[in-house]
C-alpha atoms as a PDB file:
ATOM      1  CA  UNK A   1     -22.563  21.091  15.606  1.00  0.00           C
ATOM      2  CA  UNK A   2     -22.022  17.028  15.826  1.00  0.00           C
ATOM      3  CA  UNK A   3     -19.491  15.481  13.493  1.00  0.00           C
ATOM      4  CA  UNK A   4     -19.450  11.903  12.943  1.00  0.00           C
ATOM      5  CA  UNK A   5     -16.360   9.949  12.057  1.00  0.00           C
ATOM      6  CA  UNK A   6     -16.592   7.159   9.413  1.00  0.00           C
ATOM      7  CA  UNK A   7     -16.198   3.854  10.892  1.00  0.00           C
ATOM      8  CA  UNK A   8     -12.765   2.191  10.788  1.00  0.00           C
ATOM      9  CA  UNK A   9     -14.290  -1.137   8.783  1.00  0.00           C
ATOM     10  CA  UNK A  10     -10.801  -2.353   7.990  1.00  0.00           C
ATOM     11  CA  UNK A  11      -9.666  -2.155  11.635  1.00  0.00           C
ATOM     12  CA  UNK A  12     -13.006  -3.512  12.737  1.00  0.00           C
ATOM     13  CA  UNK A  13     -12.335  -6.586  10.218  1.00  0.00           C
ATOM     14  CA  UNK A  14      -8.901  -7.056  11.313  1.00  0.00           C
ATOM     15  CA  UNK A  15      -9.816  -7.279  14.869  1.00  0.00           C
ATOM     16  CA  UNK A  16     -12.468  -9.506  14.490  1.00  0.00           C
ATOM     17  CA  UNK A  17     -10.243 -12.042  12.575  1.00  0.00           C
ATOM     18  CA  UNK A  18      -7.717 -11.536  15.027  1.00  0.00           C
ATOM     19  CA  UNK A  19     -10.054 -12.353  17.945  1.00  0.00           C
ATOM     20  CA  UNK A  20     -11.090 -15.749  16.395  1.00  0.00           C
ATOM     21  CA  UNK A  21     -13.985 -14.772  13.535  1.00  0.00           C
ATOM     22  CA  UNK A  22     -12.111 -16.888  10.833  1.00  0.00           C
ATOM     23  CA  UNK A  23     -14.859 -15.854   8.468  1.00  0.00           C
ATOM     24  CA  UNK A  24     -14.357 -12.233   8.726  1.00  0.00           C
ATOM     25  CA  UNK A  25     -14.658 -10.586   5.560  1.00  0.00           C
ATOM     26  CA  UNK A  26     -14.910  -6.921   3.829  1.00  0.00           C
ATOM     27  CA  UNK A  27     -16.392  -6.150   0.754  1.00  0.00           C
ATOM     28  CA  UNK A  28     -14.515  -3.810  -1.580  1.00  0.00           C
ATOM     29  CA  UNK A  29     -16.379  -1.205  -3.604  1.00  0.00           C
ATOM     30  CA  UNK A  30     -14.794   0.488  -6.594  1.00  0.00           C
ATOM     31  CA  UNK A  31     -15.871   2.876  -8.940  1.00  0.00           C
ATOM     32  CA  UNK A  32     -14.809   0.980 -12.218  1.00  0.00           C
ATOM     33  CA  UNK A  33     -15.289  -2.678 -11.248  1.00  0.00           C
ATOM     34  CA  UNK A  34     -17.908  -4.719  -9.590  1.00  0.00           C
ATOM     35  CA  UNK A  35     -17.849  -5.435  -5.821  1.00  0.00           C
ATOM     36  CA  UNK A  36     -15.671  -8.116  -4.335  1.00  0.00           C
ATOM     37  CA  UNK A  37     -15.118  -9.878  -1.318  1.00  0.00           C
ATOM     38  CA  UNK A  38     -11.680  -9.156   0.746  1.00  0.00           C
ATOM     39  CA  UNK A  39     -11.154 -11.939   3.493  1.00  0.00           C
ATOM     40  CA  UNK A  40      -9.586 -10.375   6.703  1.00  0.00           C
ATOM     41  CA  UNK A  41      -7.250 -13.790   6.627  1.00  0.00           C
ATOM     42  CA  UNK A  42      -5.749 -12.261   3.714  1.00  0.00           C
ATOM     43  CA  UNK A  43      -4.069  -9.469   5.704  1.00  0.00           C
ATOM     44  CA  UNK A  44      -2.427 -12.116   8.118  1.00  0.00           C
ATOM     45  CA  UNK A  45      -0.925 -14.202   5.257  1.00  0.00           C
ATOM     46  CA  UNK A  46       2.316 -15.978   6.029  1.00  0.00           C
ATOM     47  CA  UNK A  47       5.496 -15.980   4.058  1.00  0.00           C
ATOM     48  CA  UNK A  48       4.568 -19.045   2.063  1.00  0.00           C
ATOM     49  CA  UNK A  49       0.991 -17.441   1.378  1.00  0.00           C
ATOM     50  CA  UNK A  50       2.650 -14.367   0.170  1.00  0.00           C
ATOM     51  CA  UNK A  51       2.757 -13.685  -3.685  1.00  0.00           C
ATOM     52  CA  UNK A  52       6.368 -14.072  -5.402  1.00  0.00           C
ATOM     53  CA  UNK A  53       6.327 -10.168  -5.772  1.00  0.00           C
ATOM     54  CA  UNK A  54       6.107  -9.676  -1.885  1.00  0.00           C
ATOM     55  CA  UNK A  55       8.603 -12.377  -1.212  1.00  0.00           C
ATOM     56  CA  UNK A  56      10.835 -10.588  -3.568  1.00  0.00           C
ATOM     57  CA  UNK A  57      10.513  -7.449  -1.981  1.00  0.00           C
ATOM     58  CA  UNK A  58      11.133  -8.824   1.569  1.00  0.00           C
ATOM     59  CA  UNK A  59      14.456 -10.288  -0.003  1.00  0.00           C
ATOM     60  CA  UNK A  60      15.523  -6.826  -1.317  1.00  0.00           C
ATOM     61  CA  UNK A  61      14.912  -5.007   2.092  1.00  0.00           C
ATOM     62  CA  UNK A  62      18.066  -3.398   3.792  1.00  0.00           C
ATOM     63  CA  UNK A  63      18.539  -1.737   7.090  1.00  0.00           C
ATOM     64  CA  UNK A  64      16.106  -0.036   8.853  1.00  0.00           C
ATOM     65  CA  UNK A  65      12.579  -0.503   7.166  1.00  0.00           C
ATOM     66  CA  UNK A  66       9.365   1.668   7.193  1.00  0.00           C
ATOM     67  CA  UNK A  67       6.294  -0.391   6.269  1.00  0.00           C
ATOM     68  CA  UNK A  68       3.806   2.008   5.002  1.00  0.00           C
ATOM     69  CA  UNK A  69       0.158   0.512   4.882  1.00  0.00           C
ATOM     70  CA  UNK A  70       1.267  -2.316   6.729  1.00  0.00           C
ATOM     71  CA  UNK A  71      -2.458  -3.535   7.697  1.00  0.00           C
ATOM     72  CA  UNK A  72      -2.167  -6.754  10.203  1.00  0.00           C
ATOM     73  CA  UNK A  73       1.753  -6.398  10.005  1.00  0.00           C
ATOM     74  CA  UNK A  74       2.409  -9.607   8.097  1.00  0.00           C
ATOM     75  CA  UNK A  75       5.645  -8.224   6.386  1.00  0.00           C
ATOM     76  CA  UNK A  76       6.919  -6.399   9.319  1.00  0.00           C
ATOM     77  CA  UNK A  77       6.655  -9.592  11.489  1.00  0.00           C
ATOM     78  CA  UNK A  78       8.362 -11.300   8.842  1.00  0.00           C
ATOM     79  CA  UNK A  79      11.123  -8.694   8.682  1.00  0.00           C
ATOM     80  CA  UNK A  80      11.359  -8.598  12.288  1.00  0.00           C
ATOM     81  CA  UNK A  81      11.812 -12.397  12.514  1.00  0.00           C
ATOM     82  CA  UNK A  82      14.943 -11.941  10.095  1.00  0.00           C
ATOM     83  CA  UNK A  83      16.417  -9.428  12.436  1.00  0.00           C
ATOM     84  CA  UNK A  84      15.419  -6.139  10.886  1.00  0.00           C
ATOM     85  CA  UNK A  85      14.338  -2.966  12.676  1.00  0.00           C
ATOM     86  CA  UNK A  86      10.969  -2.263  11.187  1.00  0.00           C
ATOM     87  CA  UNK A  87       8.494   0.706  12.027  1.00  0.00           C
ATOM     88  CA  UNK A  88       4.923  -0.340  10.731  1.00  0.00           C
ATOM     89  CA  UNK A  89       2.610   2.687   9.872  1.00  0.00           C
ATOM     90  CA  UNK A  90      -1.274   2.259   9.062  1.00  0.00           C
ATOM     91  CA  UNK A  91      -4.235   4.895   9.432  1.00  0.00           C
ATOM     92  CA  UNK A  92      -6.525   2.400  10.762  1.00  0.00           C
ATOM     93  CA  UNK A  93      -6.809   2.600  14.482  1.00  0.00           C
ATOM     94  CA  UNK A  94      -7.821  -1.006  14.405  1.00  0.00           C
ATOM     95  CA  UNK A  95      -5.075  -2.139  12.197  1.00  0.00           C
ATOM     96  CA  UNK A  96      -2.500  -0.594  14.396  1.00  0.00           C
ATOM     97  CA  UNK A  97      -3.924  -2.282  17.476  1.00  0.00           C
ATOM     98  CA  UNK A  98      -3.649  -5.920  16.097  1.00  0.00           C
ATOM     99  CA  UNK A  99      -0.387  -5.341  14.742  1.00  0.00           C
ATOM    100  CA  UNK A 100       0.730  -4.138  18.666  1.00  0.00           C
ATOM    101  CA  UNK A 101      -0.920  -7.265  20.053  1.00  0.00           C
ATOM    102  CA  UNK A 102       0.494  -9.505  17.149  1.00  0.00           C
ATOM    103  CA  UNK A 103       3.996  -8.408  18.396  1.00  0.00           C
ATOM    104  CA  UNK A 104       5.050  -5.748  15.821  1.00  0.00           C
ATOM    105  CA  UNK A 105       7.592  -3.717  17.954  1.00  0.00           C
ATOM    106  CA  UNK A 106       7.180  -0.245  16.815  1.00  0.00           C
ATOM    107  CA  UNK A 107       3.688   0.709  15.246  1.00  0.00           C
ATOM    108  CA  UNK A 108       2.352   4.217  14.410  1.00  0.00           C
ATOM    109  CA  UNK A 109      -0.825   5.510  13.261  1.00  0.00           C
ATOM    110  CA  UNK A 110      -1.123   8.006  10.507  1.00  0.00           C
ATOM    111  CA  UNK A 111      -0.886   8.421   6.639  1.00  0.00           C
ATOM    112  CA  UNK A 112       2.035   8.311   4.134  1.00  0.00           C
ATOM    113  CA  UNK A 113       2.391  11.987   4.086  1.00  0.00           C
ATOM    114  CA  UNK A 114       3.266  12.578   7.616  1.00  0.00           C
ATOM    115  CA  UNK A 115       6.556  14.178   8.405  1.00  0.00           C
ATOM    116  CA  UNK A 116       9.536  12.333  10.031  1.00  0.00           C
ATOM    117  CA  UNK A 117       9.581  13.013  13.732  1.00  0.00           C
ATOM    118  CA  UNK A 118      12.480  15.277  14.771  1.00  0.00           C
ATOM    119  CA  UNK A 119      13.570  12.386  17.174  1.00  0.00           C
ATOM    120  CA  UNK A 120      13.556   9.673  14.744  1.00  0.00           C
ATOM    121  CA  UNK A 121      16.359   8.759  12.086  1.00  0.00           C
ATOM    122  CA  UNK A 122      15.522   8.320   8.459  1.00  0.00           C
ATOM    123  CA  UNK A 123      14.935   4.654   6.954  1.00  0.00           C
ATOM    124  CA  UNK A 124      17.153   2.672   4.663  1.00  0.00           C
ATOM    125  CA  UNK A 125      14.035   1.198   3.086  1.00  0.00           C
ATOM    126  CA  UNK A 126      10.521   2.372   2.674  1.00  0.00           C
ATOM    127  CA  UNK A 127       8.040  -0.828   1.928  1.00  0.00           C
ATOM    128  CA  UNK A 128       4.896  -0.215   0.059  1.00  0.00           C
ATOM    129  CA  UNK A 129       3.211  -3.467  -0.775  1.00  0.00           C
ATOM    130  CA  UNK A 130      -0.310  -4.751  -1.830  1.00  0.00           C
ATOM    131  CA  UNK A 131      -0.470  -2.270  -4.480  1.00  0.00           C
ATOM    132  CA  UNK A 132       0.948   0.183  -1.870  1.00  0.00           C
ATOM    133  CA  UNK A 133       1.834   2.964  -4.252  1.00  0.00           C
ATOM    134  CA  UNK A 134      -2.160   3.338  -4.253  1.00  0.00           C
ATOM    135  CA  UNK A 135      -1.844   4.991  -0.831  1.00  0.00           C
ATOM    136  CA  UNK A 136      -0.535   8.252  -2.694  1.00  0.00           C
ATOM    137  CA  UNK A 137      -4.187   8.641  -4.111  1.00  0.00           C
ATOM    138  CA  UNK A 138      -3.573  10.260  -7.398  1.00  0.00           C
ATOM    139  CA  UNK A 139      -0.982  10.902  -9.762  1.00  0.00           C
ATOM    140  CA  UNK A 140      -0.340  14.349  -8.078  1.00  0.00           C
ATOM    141  CA  UNK A 141      -0.278  12.323  -4.750  1.00  0.00           C
ATOM    142  CA  UNK A 142       2.584  10.099  -6.277  1.00  0.00           C
ATOM    143  CA  UNK A 143       4.388  13.427  -7.208  1.00  0.00           C
ATOM    144  CA  UNK A 144       4.151  14.949  -3.910  1.00  0.00           C
ATOM    145  CA  UNK A 145       5.186  11.478  -1.937  1.00  0.00           C
ATOM    146  CA  UNK A 146       8.254  10.992  -4.092  1.00  0.00           C
ATOM    147  CA  UNK A 147       9.394  14.748  -2.879  1.00  0.00           C
ATOM    148  CA  UNK A 148       8.169  13.807   0.575  1.00  0.00           C
ATOM    149  CA  UNK A 149      10.062  10.423   0.693  1.00  0.00           C
ATOM    150  CA  UNK A 150      13.315  12.086   0.254  1.00  0.00           C
ATOM    151  CA  UNK A 151      12.895  13.105   3.828  1.00  0.00           C
ATOM    152  CA  UNK A 152      12.235   9.966   5.126  1.00  0.00           C
ATOM    153  CA  UNK A 153      14.926   8.090   3.349  1.00  0.00           C
ATOM    154  CA  UNK A 154      18.690   7.815   4.663  1.00  0.00           C
ATOM    155  CA  UNK A 155      21.291   8.364   2.235  1.00  0.00           C
ATOM    156  CA  UNK A 156      21.502   5.356  -0.311  1.00  0.00           C
ATOM    157  CA  UNK A 157      17.835   4.513   0.630  1.00  0.00           C
ATOM    158  CA  UNK A 158      15.244   2.576  -1.343  1.00  0.00           C
ATOM    159  CA  UNK A 159      11.533   2.534  -1.964  1.00  0.00           C
ATOM    160  CA  UNK A 160      10.376  -1.006  -2.559  1.00  0.00           C
ATOM    161  CA  UNK A 161       6.846  -0.642  -3.974  1.00  0.00           C
ATOM    162  CA  UNK A 162       4.000  -2.572  -5.839  1.00  0.00           C
ATOM    163  CA  UNK A 163       1.419  -1.122  -8.303  1.00  0.00           C
ATOM    164  CA  UNK A 164      -0.411  -2.354 -11.289  1.00  0.00           C
ATOM    165  CA  UNK A 165      -1.614  -1.325 -15.016  1.00  0.00           C
ATOM    166  CA  UNK A 166      -5.319  -1.563 -14.863  1.00  0.00           C
ATOM    167  CA  UNK A 167      -6.194  -0.883 -18.194  1.00  0.00           C
ATOM    168  CA  UNK A 168      -7.631  -3.958 -18.580  1.00  0.00           C
ATOM    169  CA  UNK A 169     -10.789  -2.894 -16.795  1.00  0.00           C
ATOM    170  CA  UNK A 170     -11.559  -0.733 -19.599  1.00  0.00           C
ATOM    171  CA  UNK A 171     -11.404  -3.164 -22.640  1.00  0.00           C
ATOM    172  CA  UNK A 172     -14.147  -4.144 -24.446  1.00  0.00           C
ATOM    173  CA  UNK A 173     -14.919  -7.761 -25.978  1.00  0.00           C
ATOM    174  CA  UNK A 174     -12.400  -7.179 -28.653  1.00  0.00           C
ATOM    175  CA  UNK A 175      -9.662  -5.844 -26.637  1.00  0.00           C
ATOM    176  CA  UNK A 176     -10.156  -2.018 -27.639  1.00  0.00           C
ATOM    177  CA  UNK A 177      -9.660   0.399 -24.933  1.00  0.00           C
ATOM    178  CA  UNK A 178     -12.708   2.614 -23.901  1.00  0.00           C
ATOM    179  CA  UNK A 179     -10.899   5.506 -22.209  1.00  0.00           C
ATOM    180  CA  UNK A 180     -12.068   8.858 -21.791  1.00  0.00           C
ATOM    181  CA  UNK A 181      -9.009  10.911 -22.808  1.00  0.00           C
ATOM    182  CA  UNK A 182     -10.567  14.072 -21.490  1.00  0.00           C
ATOM    183  CA  UNK A 183     -11.176  12.707 -17.985  1.00  0.00           C
ATOM    184  CA  UNK A 184      -8.750  11.475 -15.198  1.00  0.00           C
ATOM    185  CA  UNK A 185      -6.016   9.142 -15.524  1.00  0.00           C
ATOM    186  CA  UNK A 186      -7.588   5.809 -15.776  1.00  0.00           C
ATOM    187  CA  UNK A 187      -5.343   4.380 -12.896  1.00  0.00           C
ATOM    188  CA  UNK A 188      -7.125   6.949 -10.493  1.00  0.00           C
ATOM    189  CA  UNK A 189     -10.033   5.178  -8.753  1.00  0.00           C
ATOM    190  CA  UNK A 190     -12.342   5.589  -5.795  1.00  0.00           C
ATOM    191  CA  UNK A 191     -12.482   2.861  -3.173  1.00  0.00           C
ATOM    192  CA  UNK A 192     -14.570   2.028  -0.085  1.00  0.00           C
ATOM    193  CA  UNK A 193     -14.765  -0.772   2.060  1.00  0.00           C
ATOM    194  CA  UNK A 194     -17.788  -2.307   4.010  1.00  0.00           C
ATOM    195  CA  UNK A 195     -17.796  -4.515   6.861  1.00  0.00           C
ATOM    196  CA  UNK A 196     -20.714  -5.986   9.288  1.00  0.00           C
ATOM    197  CA  UNK A 197     -23.054  -3.934   7.641  1.00  0.00           C
ATOM    198  CA  UNK A 198     -20.978  -0.435   8.082  1.00  0.00           C
ATOM    199  CA  UNK A 199     -19.388   1.284   4.965  1.00  0.00           C
ATOM    200  CA  UNK A 200     -16.556   3.369   5.495  1.00  0.00           C
ATOM    201  CA  UNK A 201     -15.481   6.647   3.973  1.00  0.00           C
ATOM    202  CA  UNK A 202     -14.312   6.875   0.332  1.00  0.00           C
ATOM    203  CA  UNK A 203     -10.810   6.898  -0.713  1.00  0.00           C
ATOM    204  CA  UNK A 204      -8.863   8.009  -3.928  1.00  0.00           C
ATOM    205  CA  UNK A 205      -6.422   5.027  -4.736  1.00  0.00           C
ATOM    206  CA  UNK A 206      -3.896   4.976  -7.807  1.00  0.00           C
ATOM    207  CA  UNK A 207      -2.705   2.265 -10.147  1.00  0.00           C
ATOM    208  CA  UNK A 208       0.143   3.713 -12.168  1.00  0.00           C
ATOM    209  CA  UNK A 209       1.350   1.914 -15.226  1.00  0.00           C
ATOM    210  CA  UNK A 210       5.130   1.310 -15.176  1.00  0.00           C
ATOM    211  CA  UNK A 211       5.906   3.959 -18.045  1.00  0.00           C
ATOM    212  CA  UNK A 212       3.983   6.502 -16.267  1.00  0.00           C
ATOM    213  CA  UNK A 213       5.932   5.818 -13.071  1.00  0.00           C
ATOM    214  CA  UNK A 214       9.073   5.732 -14.709  1.00  0.00           C
ATOM    215  CA  UNK A 215       8.418   9.281 -15.844  1.00  0.00           C
ATOM    216  CA  UNK A 216       7.286  10.561 -12.491  1.00  0.00           C
ATOM    217  CA  UNK A 217      10.397   8.853 -10.893  1.00  0.00           C
ATOM    218  CA  UNK A 218      12.641  10.509 -13.386  1.00  0.00           C
ATOM    219  CA  UNK A 219      11.009  13.926 -12.798  1.00  0.00           C
ATOM    220  CA  UNK A 220      11.640  13.552  -9.307  1.00  0.00           C
ATOM    221  CA  UNK A 221      14.991  12.434  -9.315  1.00  0.00           C
ATOM    222  CA  UNK A 222      14.885   8.645  -8.561  1.00  0.00           C
ATOM    223  CA  UNK A 223      16.113   5.666 -11.021  1.00  0.00           C
ATOM    224  CA  UNK A 224      13.570   2.972 -11.190  1.00  0.00           C
ATOM    225  CA  UNK A 225      14.712  -0.708 -11.465  1.00  0.00           C
ATOM    226  CA  UNK A 226      11.780  -2.840 -12.285  1.00  0.00           C
ATOM    227  CA  UNK A 227      12.415  -6.210 -10.205  1.00  0.00           C
ATOM    228  CA  UNK A 228       9.392  -8.247 -11.535  1.00  0.00           C
ATOM    229  CA  UNK A 229       5.933  -8.507 -12.595  1.00  0.00           C
ATOM    230  CA  UNK A 230       3.247 -11.193 -12.266  1.00  0.00           C
ATOM    231  CA  UNK A 231       0.393 -12.406 -14.295  1.00  0.00           C
ATOM    232  CA  UNK A 232      -1.959  -9.712 -13.091  1.00  0.00           C
ATOM    233  CA  UNK A 233      -0.129  -6.799 -14.272  1.00  0.00           C
ATOM    234  CA  UNK A 234       1.135  -6.073 -10.957  1.00  0.00           C
ATOM    235  CA  UNK A 235       4.982  -5.025 -10.897  1.00  0.00           C
ATOM    236  CA  UNK A 236       7.672  -4.592  -8.036  1.00  0.00           C
ATOM    237  CA  UNK A 237       9.856  -1.565  -8.625  1.00  0.00           C
ATOM    238  CA  UNK A 238      13.052  -0.096  -6.608  1.00  0.00           C
ATOM    239  CA  UNK A 239      13.269   3.649  -6.649  1.00  0.00           C
ATOM    240  CA  UNK A 240      16.418   5.133  -5.558  1.00  0.00           C
ATOM    241  CA  UNK A 241      17.042   8.793  -5.200  1.00  0.00           C
ATOM    242  CA  UNK A 242      19.852  10.258  -7.331  1.00  0.00           C
ATOM    243  CA  UNK A 243      22.253  12.617  -5.902  1.00  0.00           C
END
């Protein structure tokens, strides 16, 4: 029996841009929105090109940092330049290769639920940017991650993460919400990425509204401090374990 692995289209696009193809671009497919282009260049943005919430998150980092869903490493590189010890993590093999070639000193390839290696000290800051809480996939995955994150954090540690309220995707022309109250939570969506004629595997992504995140954090034993919000309903939150 032959098994085929879905192509690492994100990694291929990042590698292409890193090798000099300035026009390399992904197509983002979503089950609740139209297809959109995503230039690979966005993953290589400098500090001045980053949205205000990302710059604020970097300013709030402390201690040893675990950058989850690190992409091409733009946040890790900025933190390294500031003198931080950073471990950058991404599921994409191509992304991990790009980060290593760009000079990120510690790179790992795995998902957000992998256990902390026995030889590795826990971290003072877990960073989840670019709607990074989406990596948890579902509300159930968010609960699972919040429990798991306690094993990754040192005493006094923090999670700095962004997410968005996407209820606007379900508004009609009059502003009324068209939600299926018997269906899954409206922020649980499915994505896939295409690049150079190839499409990767579909994956779940979570956009969690601030009130629901606050409830989930409280249930999991965290305090939630909302540090900022932008015009696109995206927010930055600091989650701190209690006790």
